[in-house]
Amino acid sequence: MTPAALAFLKTRLEGVRCAECTEAAQLVAEAMTSVPRELPVKAERDLCHAVWGRISRALDVAELSNQDQLVLDALEAEMAGRVLTARLATGELVKAV
């Protein structure tokens, strides 16, 4: 992920007011400070996996507006996709033929 993509992710997470999203935004902010150009694949996988977990927890426990629910549903799918794509890239998963 590029610094711009990380900044956009952080902004979207900050737009949802719940403890889990605040934690997820902090993880992204920490990653932003250590990324000069682009997050390496394994670091992206780890970050997205951690963010995905917090988003899933927010969907389970937080009292969310309908709009926030939609935002987090989309972010959850995005994080899952990023994790799985990174795992394919690193050979942790193999695409069936």
PDB file of N, CA and C in Angstrom:
ATOM      1  N   MET A   1       0.847  -1.175   0.000  1.00  0.00           N
ATOM      2  CA  MET A   1       0.000   0.000   0.000  1.00  0.00           C
ATOM      3  C   MET A   1       0.889   1.233   0.000  1.00  0.00           C
ATOM      4  N   THR A   2       0.485   2.181  -0.769  1.00  0.00           N
ATOM      5  CA  THR A   2       1.216   3.444  -0.841  1.00  0.00           C
ATOM      6  C   THR A   2       0.835   4.321   0.347  1.00  0.00           C
ATOM      7  N   PRO A   3       1.646   5.342   0.617  1.00  0.00           N
ATOM      8  CA  PRO A   3       1.272   6.275   1.684  1.00  0.00           C
ATOM      9  C   PRO A   3      -0.103   6.912   1.453  1.00  0.00           C
ATOM     10  N   ALA A   4      -0.443   7.201   0.190  1.00  0.00           N
ATOM     11  CA  ALA A   4      -1.751   7.789  -0.105  1.00  0.00           C
ATOM     12  C   ALA A   4      -2.877   6.809   0.217  1.00  0.00           C
ATOM     13  N   ALA A   5      -2.693   5.533  -0.116  1.00  0.00           N
ATOM     14  CA  ALA A   5      -3.705   4.518   0.182  1.00  0.00           C
ATOM     15  C   ALA A   5      -3.855   4.340   1.690  1.00  0.00           C
ATOM     16  N   LEU A   6      -2.741   4.363   2.399  1.00  0.00           N
ATOM     17  CA  LEU A   6      -2.796   4.258   3.859  1.00  0.00           C
ATOM     18  C   LEU A   6      -3.526   5.454   4.465  1.00  0.00           C
ATOM     19  N   ALA A   7      -3.245   6.644   3.955  1.00  0.00           N
ATOM     20  CA  ALA A   7      -3.899   7.854   4.467  1.00  0.00           C
ATOM     21  C   ALA A   7      -5.405   7.791   4.221  1.00  0.00           C
ATOM     22  N   PHE A   8      -5.804   7.293   3.057  1.00  0.00           N
ATOM     23  CA  PHE A   8      -7.225   7.176   2.744  1.00  0.00           C
ATOM     24  C   PHE A   8      -7.902   6.152   3.657  1.00  0.00           C
ATOM     25  N   LEU A   9      -7.234   5.038   3.903  1.00  0.00           N
ATOM     26  CA  LEU A   9      -7.763   4.027   4.812  1.00  0.00           C
ATOM     27  C   LEU A   9      -7.931   4.610   6.211  1.00  0.00           C
ATOM     28  N   LYS A  10      -6.931   5.322   6.672  1.00  0.00           N
ATOM     29  CA  LYS A  10      -6.979   5.935   8.002  1.00  0.00           C
ATOM     30  C   LYS A  10      -8.146   6.905   8.102  1.00  0.00           C
ATOM     31  N   THR A  11      -8.358   7.717   7.088  1.00  0.00           N
ATOM     32  CA  THR A  11      -9.458   8.681   7.071  1.00  0.00           C
ATOM     33  C   THR A  11     -10.808   7.977   7.148  1.00  0.00           C
ATOM     34  N   ARG A  12     -10.955   6.901   6.400  1.00  0.00           N
ATOM     35  CA  ARG A  12     -12.221   6.160   6.431  1.00  0.00           C
ATOM     36  C   ARG A  12     -12.462   5.535   7.800  1.00  0.00           C
ATOM     37  N   LEU A  13     -11.416   5.003   8.409  1.00  0.00           N
ATOM     38  CA  LEU A  13     -11.566   4.417   9.745  1.00  0.00           C
ATOM     39  C   LEU A  13     -11.905   5.481  10.787  1.00  0.00           C
ATOM     40  N   GLU A  14     -11.287   6.638  10.679  1.00  0.00           N
ATOM     41  CA  GLU A  14     -11.550   7.725  11.630  1.00  0.00           C
ATOM     42  C   GLU A  14     -12.972   8.266  11.502  1.00  0.00           C
ATOM     43  N   GLY A  15     -13.597   8.036  10.352  1.00  0.00           N
ATOM     44  CA  GLY A  15     -14.958   8.505  10.137  1.00  0.00           C
ATOM     45  C   GLY A  15     -16.007   7.703  10.887  1.00  0.00           C
ATOM     46  N   VAL A  16     -15.622   6.539  11.400  1.00  0.00           N
ATOM     47  CA  VAL A  16     -16.545   5.700  12.162  1.00  0.00           C
ATOM     48  C   VAL A  16     -16.163   5.819  13.631  1.00  0.00           C
ATOM     49  N   ARG A  17     -17.077   6.272  14.433  1.00  0.00           N
ATOM     50  CA  ARG A  17     -16.774   6.520  15.842  1.00  0.00           C
ATOM     51  C   ARG A  17     -17.042   5.281  16.701  1.00  0.00           C
ATOM     52  N   CYS A  18     -15.979   4.526  16.899  1.00  0.00           N
ATOM     53  CA  CYS A  18     -16.032   3.397  17.834  1.00  0.00           C
ATOM     54  C   CYS A  18     -14.589   3.064  18.224  1.00  0.00           C
ATOM     55  N   ALA A  19     -14.432   2.434  19.350  1.00  0.00           N
ATOM     56  CA  ALA A  19     -13.092   2.142  19.881  1.00  0.00           C
ATOM     57  C   ALA A  19     -12.286   1.267  18.930  1.00  0.00           C
ATOM     58  N   GLU A  20     -12.929   0.284  18.326  1.00  0.00           N
ATOM     59  CA  GLU A  20     -12.222  -0.637  17.429  1.00  0.00           C
ATOM     60  C   GLU A  20     -11.675   0.093  16.202  1.00  0.00           C
ATOM     61  N   CYS A  21     -12.452   1.027  15.670  1.00  0.00           N
ATOM     62  CA  CYS A  21     -11.989   1.781  14.494  1.00  0.00           C
ATOM     63  C   CYS A  21     -10.882   2.764  14.870  1.00  0.00           C
ATOM     64  N   THR A  22     -10.952   3.302  16.068  1.00  0.00           N
ATOM     65  CA  THR A  22      -9.882   4.174  16.551  1.00  0.00           C
ATOM     66  C   THR A  22      -8.581   3.388  16.653  1.00  0.00           C
ATOM     67  N   GLU A  23      -8.659   2.171  17.196  1.00  0.00           N
ATOM     68  CA  GLU A  23      -7.472   1.313  17.287  1.00  0.00           C
ATOM     69  C   GLU A  23      -6.933   0.984  15.895  1.00  0.00           C
ATOM     70  N   ALA A  24      -7.833   0.663  14.971  1.00  0.00           N
ATOM     71  CA  ALA A  24      -7.418   0.325  13.613  1.00  0.00           C
ATOM     72  C   ALA A  24      -6.751   1.528  12.945  1.00  0.00           C
ATOM     73  N   ALA A  25      -7.307   2.711  13.134  1.00  0.00           N
ATOM     74  CA  ALA A  25      -6.719   3.926  12.560  1.00  0.00           C
ATOM     75  C   ALA A  25      -5.330   4.186  13.144  1.00  0.00           C
ATOM     76  N   GLN A  26      -5.137   3.885  14.416  1.00  0.00           N
ATOM     77  CA  GLN A  26      -3.823   4.050  15.042  1.00  0.00           C
ATOM     78  C   GLN A  26      -2.799   3.089  14.439  1.00  0.00           C
ATOM     79  N   LEU A  27      -3.227   1.855  14.158  1.00  0.00           N
ATOM     80  CA  LEU A  27      -2.327   0.894  13.505  1.00  0.00           C
ATOM     81  C   LEU A  27      -1.892   1.415  12.140  1.00  0.00           C
ATOM     82  N   VAL A  28      -2.838   1.963  11.399  1.00  0.00           N
ATOM     83  CA  VAL A  28      -2.526   2.503  10.073  1.00  0.00           C
ATOM     84  C   VAL A  28      -1.592   3.702  10.207  1.00  0.00           C
ATOM     85  N   ALA A  29      -1.845   4.568  11.180  1.00  0.00           N
ATOM     86  CA  ALA A  29      -0.985   5.738  11.398  1.00  0.00           C
ATOM     87  C   ALA A  29       0.444   5.310  11.713  1.00  0.00           C
ATOM     88  N   GLU A  30       0.595   4.269  12.517  1.00  0.00           N
ATOM     89  CA  GLU A  30       1.934   3.756  12.839  1.00  0.00           C
ATOM     90  C   GLU A  30       2.624   3.229  11.581  1.00  0.00           C
ATOM     91  N   ALA A  31       1.882   2.545  10.737  1.00  0.00           N
ATOM     92  CA  ALA A  31       2.458   2.031   9.488  1.00  0.00           C
ATOM     93  C   ALA A  31       2.867   3.172   8.569  1.00  0.00           C
ATOM     94  N   MET A  32       2.096   4.248   8.584  1.00  0.00           N
ATOM     95  CA  MET A  32       2.394   5.398   7.721  1.00  0.00           C
ATOM     96  C   MET A  32       3.730   6.040   8.077  1.00  0.00           C
ATOM     97  N   THR A  33       4.084   6.009   9.342  1.00  0.00           N
ATOM     98  CA  THR A  33       5.333   6.650   9.760  1.00  0.00           C
ATOM     99  C   THR A  33       6.556   5.852   9.319  1.00  0.00           C
ATOM    100  N   SER A  34       6.355   4.570   9.014  1.00  0.00           N
ATOM    101  CA  SER A  34       7.497   3.736   8.661  1.00  0.00           C
ATOM    102  C   SER A  34       7.568   3.406   7.174  1.00  0.00           C
ATOM    103  N   VAL A  35       6.692   4.012   6.378  1.00  0.00           N
ATOM    104  CA  VAL A  35       6.620   3.666   4.960  1.00  0.00           C
ATOM    105  C   VAL A  35       7.092   4.824   4.087  1.00  0.00           C
ATOM    106  N   PRO A  36       8.240   4.663   3.439  1.00  0.00           N
ATOM    107  CA  PRO A  36       8.718   5.742   2.584  1.00  0.00           C
ATOM    108  C   PRO A  36       7.971   5.798   1.245  1.00  0.00           C
ATOM    109  N   ARG A  37       7.763   4.647   0.617  1.00  0.00           N
ATOM    110  CA  ARG A  37       7.125   4.599  -0.693  1.00  0.00           C
ATOM    111  C   ARG A  37       5.928   3.675  -0.720  1.00  0.00           C
ATOM    112  N   GLU A  38       6.160   2.428  -0.396  1.00  0.00           N
ATOM    113  CA  GLU A  38       5.090   1.443  -0.433  1.00  0.00           C
ATOM    114  C   GLU A  38       5.342   0.383   0.623  1.00  0.00           C
ATOM    115  N   LEU A  39       4.285  -0.011   1.284  1.00  0.00           N
ATOM    116  CA  LEU A  39       4.371  -1.033   2.318  1.00  0.00           C
ATOM    117  C   LEU A  39       4.738  -2.367   1.676  1.00  0.00           C
ATOM    118  N   PRO A  40       5.751  -3.064   2.180  1.00  0.00           N
ATOM    119  CA  PRO A  40       6.085  -4.382   1.648  1.00  0.00           C
ATOM    120  C   PRO A  40       4.900  -5.343   1.795  1.00  0.00           C
ATOM    121  N   VAL A  41       4.845  -6.342   0.937  1.00  0.00           N
ATOM    122  CA  VAL A  41       3.699  -7.257   0.874  1.00  0.00           C
ATOM    123  C   VAL A  41       3.400  -7.902   2.230  1.00  0.00           C
ATOM    124  N   LYS A  42       4.406  -8.413   2.902  1.00  0.00           N
ATOM    125  CA  LYS A  42       4.160  -9.080   4.190  1.00  0.00           C
ATOM    126  C   LYS A  42       3.706  -8.086   5.256  1.00  0.00           C
ATOM    127  N   ALA A  43       4.247  -6.893   5.231  1.00  0.00           N
ATOM    128  CA  ALA A  43       3.814  -5.868   6.186  1.00  0.00           C
ATOM    129  C   ALA A  43       2.381  -5.438   5.883  1.00  0.00           C
ATOM    130  N   GLU A  44       2.034  -5.344   4.599  1.00  0.00           N
ATOM    131  CA  GLU A  44       0.661  -5.012   4.218  1.00  0.00           C
ATOM    132  C   GLU A  44      -0.296  -6.111   4.683  1.00  0.00           C
ATOM    133  N   ARG A  45       0.097  -7.359   4.476  1.00  0.00           N
ATOM    134  CA  ARG A  45      -0.721  -8.489   4.920  1.00  0.00           C
ATOM    135  C   ARG A  45      -0.971  -8.411   6.422  1.00  0.00           C
ATOM    136  N   ASP A  46       0.078  -8.191   7.185  1.00  0.00           N
ATOM    137  CA  ASP A  46      -0.048  -8.147   8.642  1.00  0.00           C
ATOM    138  C   ASP A  46      -0.918  -6.972   9.100  1.00  0.00           C
ATOM    139  N   LEU A  47      -0.701  -5.807   8.493  1.00  0.00           N
ATOM    140  CA  LEU A  47      -1.490  -4.633   8.848  1.00  0.00           C
ATOM    141  C   LEU A  47      -2.956  -4.852   8.506  1.00  0.00           C
ATOM    142  N   CYS A  48      -3.222  -5.290   7.300  1.00  0.00           N
ATOM    143  CA  CYS A  48      -4.610  -5.488   6.870  1.00  0.00           C
ATOM    144  C   CYS A  48      -5.301  -6.570   7.687  1.00  0.00           C
ATOM    145  N   HIS A  49      -4.559  -7.586   8.076  1.00  0.00           N
ATOM    146  CA  HIS A  49      -5.141  -8.631   8.921  1.00  0.00           C
ATOM    147  C   HIS A  49      -5.535  -8.059  10.283  1.00  0.00           C
ATOM    148  N   ALA A  50      -4.681  -7.230  10.847  1.00  0.00           N
ATOM    149  CA  ALA A  50      -4.972  -6.618  12.144  1.00  0.00           C
ATOM    150  C   ALA A  50      -6.157  -5.650  12.041  1.00  0.00           C
ATOM    151  N   VAL A  51      -6.182  -4.862  10.989  1.00  0.00           N
ATOM    152  CA  VAL A  51      -7.284  -3.919  10.781  1.00  0.00           C
ATOM    153  C   VAL A  51      -8.588  -4.688  10.547  1.00  0.00           C
ATOM    154  N   TRP A  52      -8.516  -5.731   9.743  1.00  0.00           N
ATOM    155  CA  TRP A  52      -9.680  -6.577   9.458  1.00  0.00           C
ATOM    156  C   TRP A  52     -10.272  -7.118  10.758  1.00  0.00           C
ATOM    157  N   GLY A  53      -9.418  -7.579  11.662  1.00  0.00           N
ATOM    158  CA  GLY A  53      -9.899  -8.097  12.945  1.00  0.00           C
ATOM    159  C   GLY A  53     -10.638  -7.053  13.752  1.00  0.00           C
ATOM    160  N   ARG A  54     -10.113  -5.858  13.766  1.00  0.00           N
ATOM    161  CA  ARG A  54     -10.766  -4.791  14.532  1.00  0.00           C
ATOM    162  C   ARG A  54     -12.089  -4.374  13.891  1.00  0.00           C
ATOM    163  N   ILE A  55     -12.118  -4.341  12.573  1.00  0.00           N
ATOM    164  CA  ILE A  55     -13.361  -4.008  11.878  1.00  0.00           C
ATOM    165  C   ILE A  55     -14.418  -5.079  12.150  1.00  0.00           C
ATOM    166  N   SER A  56     -14.024  -6.336  12.069  1.00  0.00           N
ATOM    167  CA  SER A  56     -14.967  -7.423  12.337  1.00  0.00           C
ATOM    168  C   SER A  56     -15.509  -7.328  13.756  1.00  0.00           C
ATOM    169  N   ARG A  57     -14.623  -7.006  14.689  1.00  0.00           N
ATOM    170  CA  ARG A  57     -15.061  -6.853  16.083  1.00  0.00           C
ATOM    171  C   ARG A  57     -16.038  -5.690  16.204  1.00  0.00           C
ATOM    172  N   ALA A  58     -15.751  -4.581  15.534  1.00  0.00           N
ATOM    173  CA  ALA A  58     -16.658  -3.430  15.578  1.00  0.00           C
ATOM    174  C   ALA A  58     -18.032  -3.815  15.041  1.00  0.00           C
ATOM    175  N   LEU A  59     -18.052  -4.574  13.977  1.00  0.00           N
ATOM    176  CA  LEU A  59     -19.333  -5.009  13.407  1.00  0.00           C
ATOM    177  C   LEU A  59     -20.093  -5.912  14.371  1.00  0.00           C
ATOM    178  N   ASP A  60     -19.361  -6.629  15.213  1.00  0.00           N
ATOM    179  CA  ASP A  60     -19.998  -7.530  16.185  1.00  0.00           C
ATOM    180  C   ASP A  60     -20.479  -6.819  17.446  1.00  0.00           C
ATOM    181  N   VAL A  61     -19.706  -5.834  17.922  1.00  0.00           N
ATOM    182  CA  VAL A  61     -19.993  -5.294  19.255  1.00  0.00           C
ATOM    183  C   VAL A  61     -20.393  -3.820  19.299  1.00  0.00           C
ATOM    184  N   ALA A  62     -20.025  -3.048  18.326  1.00  0.00           N
ATOM    185  CA  ALA A  62     -20.280  -1.605  18.396  1.00  0.00           C
ATOM    186  C   ALA A  62     -21.711  -1.279  17.971  1.00  0.00           C
ATOM    187  N   GLU A  63     -22.237  -0.231  18.565  1.00  0.00           N
ATOM    188  CA  GLU A  63     -23.529   0.292  18.133  1.00  0.00           C
ATOM    189  C   GLU A  63     -23.243   1.259  16.993  1.00  0.00           C
ATOM    190  N   LEU A  64     -23.638   0.874  15.790  1.00  0.00           N
ATOM    191  CA  LEU A  64     -23.291   1.621  14.591  1.00  0.00           C
ATOM    192  C   LEU A  64     -24.538   2.144  13.896  1.00  0.00           C
ATOM    193  N   SER A  65     -24.380   3.300  13.263  1.00  0.00           N
ATOM    194  CA  SER A  65     -25.465   3.800  12.422  1.00  0.00           C
ATOM    195  C   SER A  65     -25.516   2.946  11.153  1.00  0.00           C
ATOM    196  N   ASN A  66     -26.589   3.061  10.416  1.00  0.00           N
ATOM    197  CA  ASN A  66     -26.694   2.313   9.158  1.00  0.00           C
ATOM    198  C   ASN A  66     -25.559   2.681   8.208  1.00  0.00           C
ATOM    199  N   GLN A  67     -25.205   3.968   8.167  1.00  0.00           N
ATOM    200  CA  GLN A  67     -24.125   4.429   7.295  1.00  0.00           C
ATOM    201  C   GLN A  67     -22.787   3.835   7.727  1.00  0.00           C
ATOM    202  N   ASP A  68     -22.507   3.851   9.023  1.00  0.00           N
ATOM    203  CA  ASP A  68     -21.255   3.280   9.526  1.00  0.00           C
ATOM    204  C   ASP A  68     -21.199   1.774   9.268  1.00  0.00           C
ATOM    205  N   GLN A  69     -22.331   1.112   9.390  1.00  0.00           N
ATOM    206  CA  GLN A  69     -22.402  -0.324   9.106  1.00  0.00           C
ATOM    207  C   GLN A  69     -21.990  -0.588   7.649  1.00  0.00           C
ATOM    208  N   LEU A  70     -22.488   0.238   6.731  1.00  0.00           N
ATOM    209  CA  LEU A  70     -22.148   0.083   5.316  1.00  0.00           C
ATOM    210  C   LEU A  70     -20.662   0.345   5.070  1.00  0.00           C
ATOM    211  N   VAL A  71     -20.140   1.373   5.712  1.00  0.00           N
ATOM    212  CA  VAL A  71     -18.717   1.701   5.561  1.00  0.00           C
ATOM    213  C   VAL A  71     -17.867   0.537   6.056  1.00  0.00           C
ATOM    214  N   LEU A  72     -18.200  -0.004   7.217  1.00  0.00           N
ATOM    215  CA  LEU A  72     -17.400  -1.093   7.771  1.00  0.00           C
ATOM    216  C   LEU A  72     -17.580  -2.388   6.999  1.00  0.00           C
ATOM    217  N   ASP A  73     -18.759  -2.635   6.466  1.00  0.00           N
ATOM    218  CA  ASP A  73     -18.938  -3.815   5.613  1.00  0.00           C
ATOM    219  C   ASP A  73     -18.000  -3.748   4.415  1.00  0.00           C
ATOM    220  N   ALA A  74     -17.917  -2.574   3.795  1.00  0.00           N
ATOM    221  CA  ALA A  74     -17.035  -2.401   2.640  1.00  0.00           C
ATOM    222  C   ALA A  74     -15.568  -2.519   3.037  1.00  0.00           C
ATOM    223  N   LEU A  75     -15.199  -1.926   4.161  1.00  0.00           N
ATOM    224  CA  LEU A  75     -13.817  -2.011   4.628  1.00  0.00           C
ATOM    225  C   LEU A  75     -13.440  -3.433   5.013  1.00  0.00           C
ATOM    226  N   GLU A  76     -14.379  -4.164   5.602  1.00  0.00           N
ATOM    227  CA  GLU A  76     -14.101  -5.548   5.970  1.00  0.00           C
ATOM    228  C   GLU A  76     -13.792  -6.378   4.718  1.00  0.00           C
ATOM    229  N   ALA A  77     -14.589  -6.195   3.679  1.00  0.00           N
ATOM    230  CA  ALA A  77     -14.357  -6.919   2.427  1.00  0.00           C
ATOM    231  C   ALA A  77     -13.032  -6.505   1.793  1.00  0.00           C
ATOM    232  N   GLU A  78     -12.719  -5.216   1.852  1.00  0.00           N
ATOM    233  CA  GLU A  78     -11.457  -4.731   1.296  1.00  0.00           C
ATOM    234  C   GLU A  78     -10.260  -5.328   2.026  1.00  0.00           C
ATOM    235  N   MET A  79     -10.306  -5.344   3.357  1.00  0.00           N
ATOM    236  CA  MET A  79      -9.190  -5.885   4.128  1.00  0.00           C
ATOM    237  C   MET A  79      -9.038  -7.383   3.874  1.00  0.00           C
ATOM    238  N   ALA A  80     -10.143  -8.103   3.803  1.00  0.00           N
ATOM    239  CA  ALA A  80     -10.081  -9.538   3.503  1.00  0.00           C
ATOM    240  C   ALA A  80      -9.434  -9.755   2.143  1.00  0.00           C
ATOM    241  N   GLY A  81      -9.837  -8.974   1.172  1.00  0.00           N
ATOM    242  CA  GLY A  81      -9.260  -9.097  -0.168  1.00  0.00           C
ATOM    243  C   GLY A  81      -7.778  -8.786  -0.189  1.00  0.00           C
ATOM    244  N   ARG A  82      -7.381  -7.754   0.536  1.00  0.00           N
ATOM    245  CA  ARG A  82      -5.951  -7.396   0.577  1.00  0.00           C
ATOM    246  C   ARG A  82      -5.127  -8.487   1.254  1.00  0.00           C
ATOM    247  N   VAL A  83      -5.667  -9.057   2.325  1.00  0.00           N
ATOM    248  CA  VAL A  83      -4.954 -10.136   3.020  1.00  0.00           C
ATOM    249  C   VAL A  83      -4.805 -11.338   2.090  1.00  0.00           C
ATOM    250  N   LEU A  84      -5.883 -11.737   1.465  1.00  0.00           N
ATOM    251  CA  LEU A  84      -5.829 -12.910   0.591  1.00  0.00           C
ATOM    252  C   LEU A  84      -4.941 -12.669  -0.626  1.00  0.00           C
ATOM    253  N   THR A  85      -4.983 -11.480  -1.191  1.00  0.00           N
ATOM    254  CA  THR A  85      -4.119 -11.155  -2.332  1.00  0.00           C
ATOM    255  C   THR A  85      -2.647 -11.201  -1.920  1.00  0.00           C
ATOM    256  N   ALA A  86      -2.334 -10.664  -0.752  1.00  0.00           N
ATOM    257  CA  ALA A  86      -0.953 -10.701  -0.262  1.00  0.00           C
ATOM    258  C   ALA A  86      -0.515 -12.136  -0.005  1.00  0.00           C
ATOM    259  N   ARG A  87      -1.412 -12.951   0.527  1.00  0.00           N
ATOM    260  CA  ARG A  87      -1.067 -14.355   0.790  1.00  0.00           C
ATOM    261  C   ARG A  87      -0.831 -15.117  -0.514  1.00  0.00           C
ATOM    262  N   LEU A  88      -1.573 -14.780  -1.550  1.00  0.00           N
ATOM    263  CA  LEU A  88      -1.313 -15.378  -2.866  1.00  0.00           C
ATOM    264  C   LEU A  88       0.055 -14.948  -3.388  1.00  0.00           C
ATOM    265  N   ALA A  89       0.358 -13.660  -3.226  1.00  0.00           N
ATOM    266  CA  ALA A  89       1.629 -13.121  -3.720  1.00  0.00           C
ATOM    267  C   ALA A  89       2.833 -13.730  -3.024  1.00  0.00           C
ATOM    268  N   THR A  90       2.679 -14.070  -1.743  1.00  0.00           N
ATOM    269  CA  THR A  90       3.806 -14.635  -0.991  1.00  0.00           C
ATOM    270  C   THR A  90       3.836 -16.153  -1.045  1.00  0.00           C
ATOM    271  N   GLY A  91       2.875 -16.757  -1.718  1.00  0.00           N
ATOM    272  CA  GLY A  91       2.848 -18.204  -1.834  1.00  0.00           C
ATOM    273  C   GLY A  91       2.221 -18.917  -0.650  1.00  0.00           C
ATOM    274  N   GLU A  92       1.634 -18.180   0.268  1.00  0.00           N
ATOM    275  CA  GLU A  92       0.966 -18.800   1.413  1.00  0.00           C
ATOM    276  C   GLU A  92      -0.327 -19.494   0.984  1.00  0.00           C
ATOM    277  N   LEU A  93      -0.918 -18.987  -0.068  1.00  0.00           N
ATOM    278  CA  LEU A  93      -2.098 -19.600  -0.669  1.00  0.00           C
ATOM    279  C   LEU A  93      -1.755 -19.908  -2.123  1.00  0.00           C
ATOM    280  N   VAL A  94      -2.363 -20.950  -2.625  1.00  0.00           N
ATOM    281  CA  VAL A  94      -2.145 -21.313  -4.023  1.00  0.00           C
ATOM    282  C   VAL A  94      -3.498 -21.341  -4.701  1.00  0.00           C
ATOM    283  N   LYS A  95      -3.588 -20.647  -5.825  1.00  0.00           N
ATOM    284  CA  LYS A  95      -4.833 -20.591  -6.569  1.00  0.00           C
ATOM    285  C   LYS A  95      -5.091 -21.935  -7.246  1.00  0.00           C
ATOM    286  N   ALA A  96      -6.277 -22.485  -7.019  1.00  0.00           N
ATOM    287  CA  ALA A  96      -6.636 -23.768  -7.652  1.00  0.00           C
ATOM    288  C   ALA A  96      -6.861 -23.547  -9.147  1.00  0.00           C
ATOM    289  N   VAL A  97      -6.465 -24.533  -9.895  1.00  0.00           N
ATOM    290  CA  VAL A  97      -6.606 -24.431 -11.355  1.00  0.00           C
ATOM    291  C   VAL A  97      -7.815 -25.184 -11.813  1.00  0.00           C
TER     292      VAL A  97
END
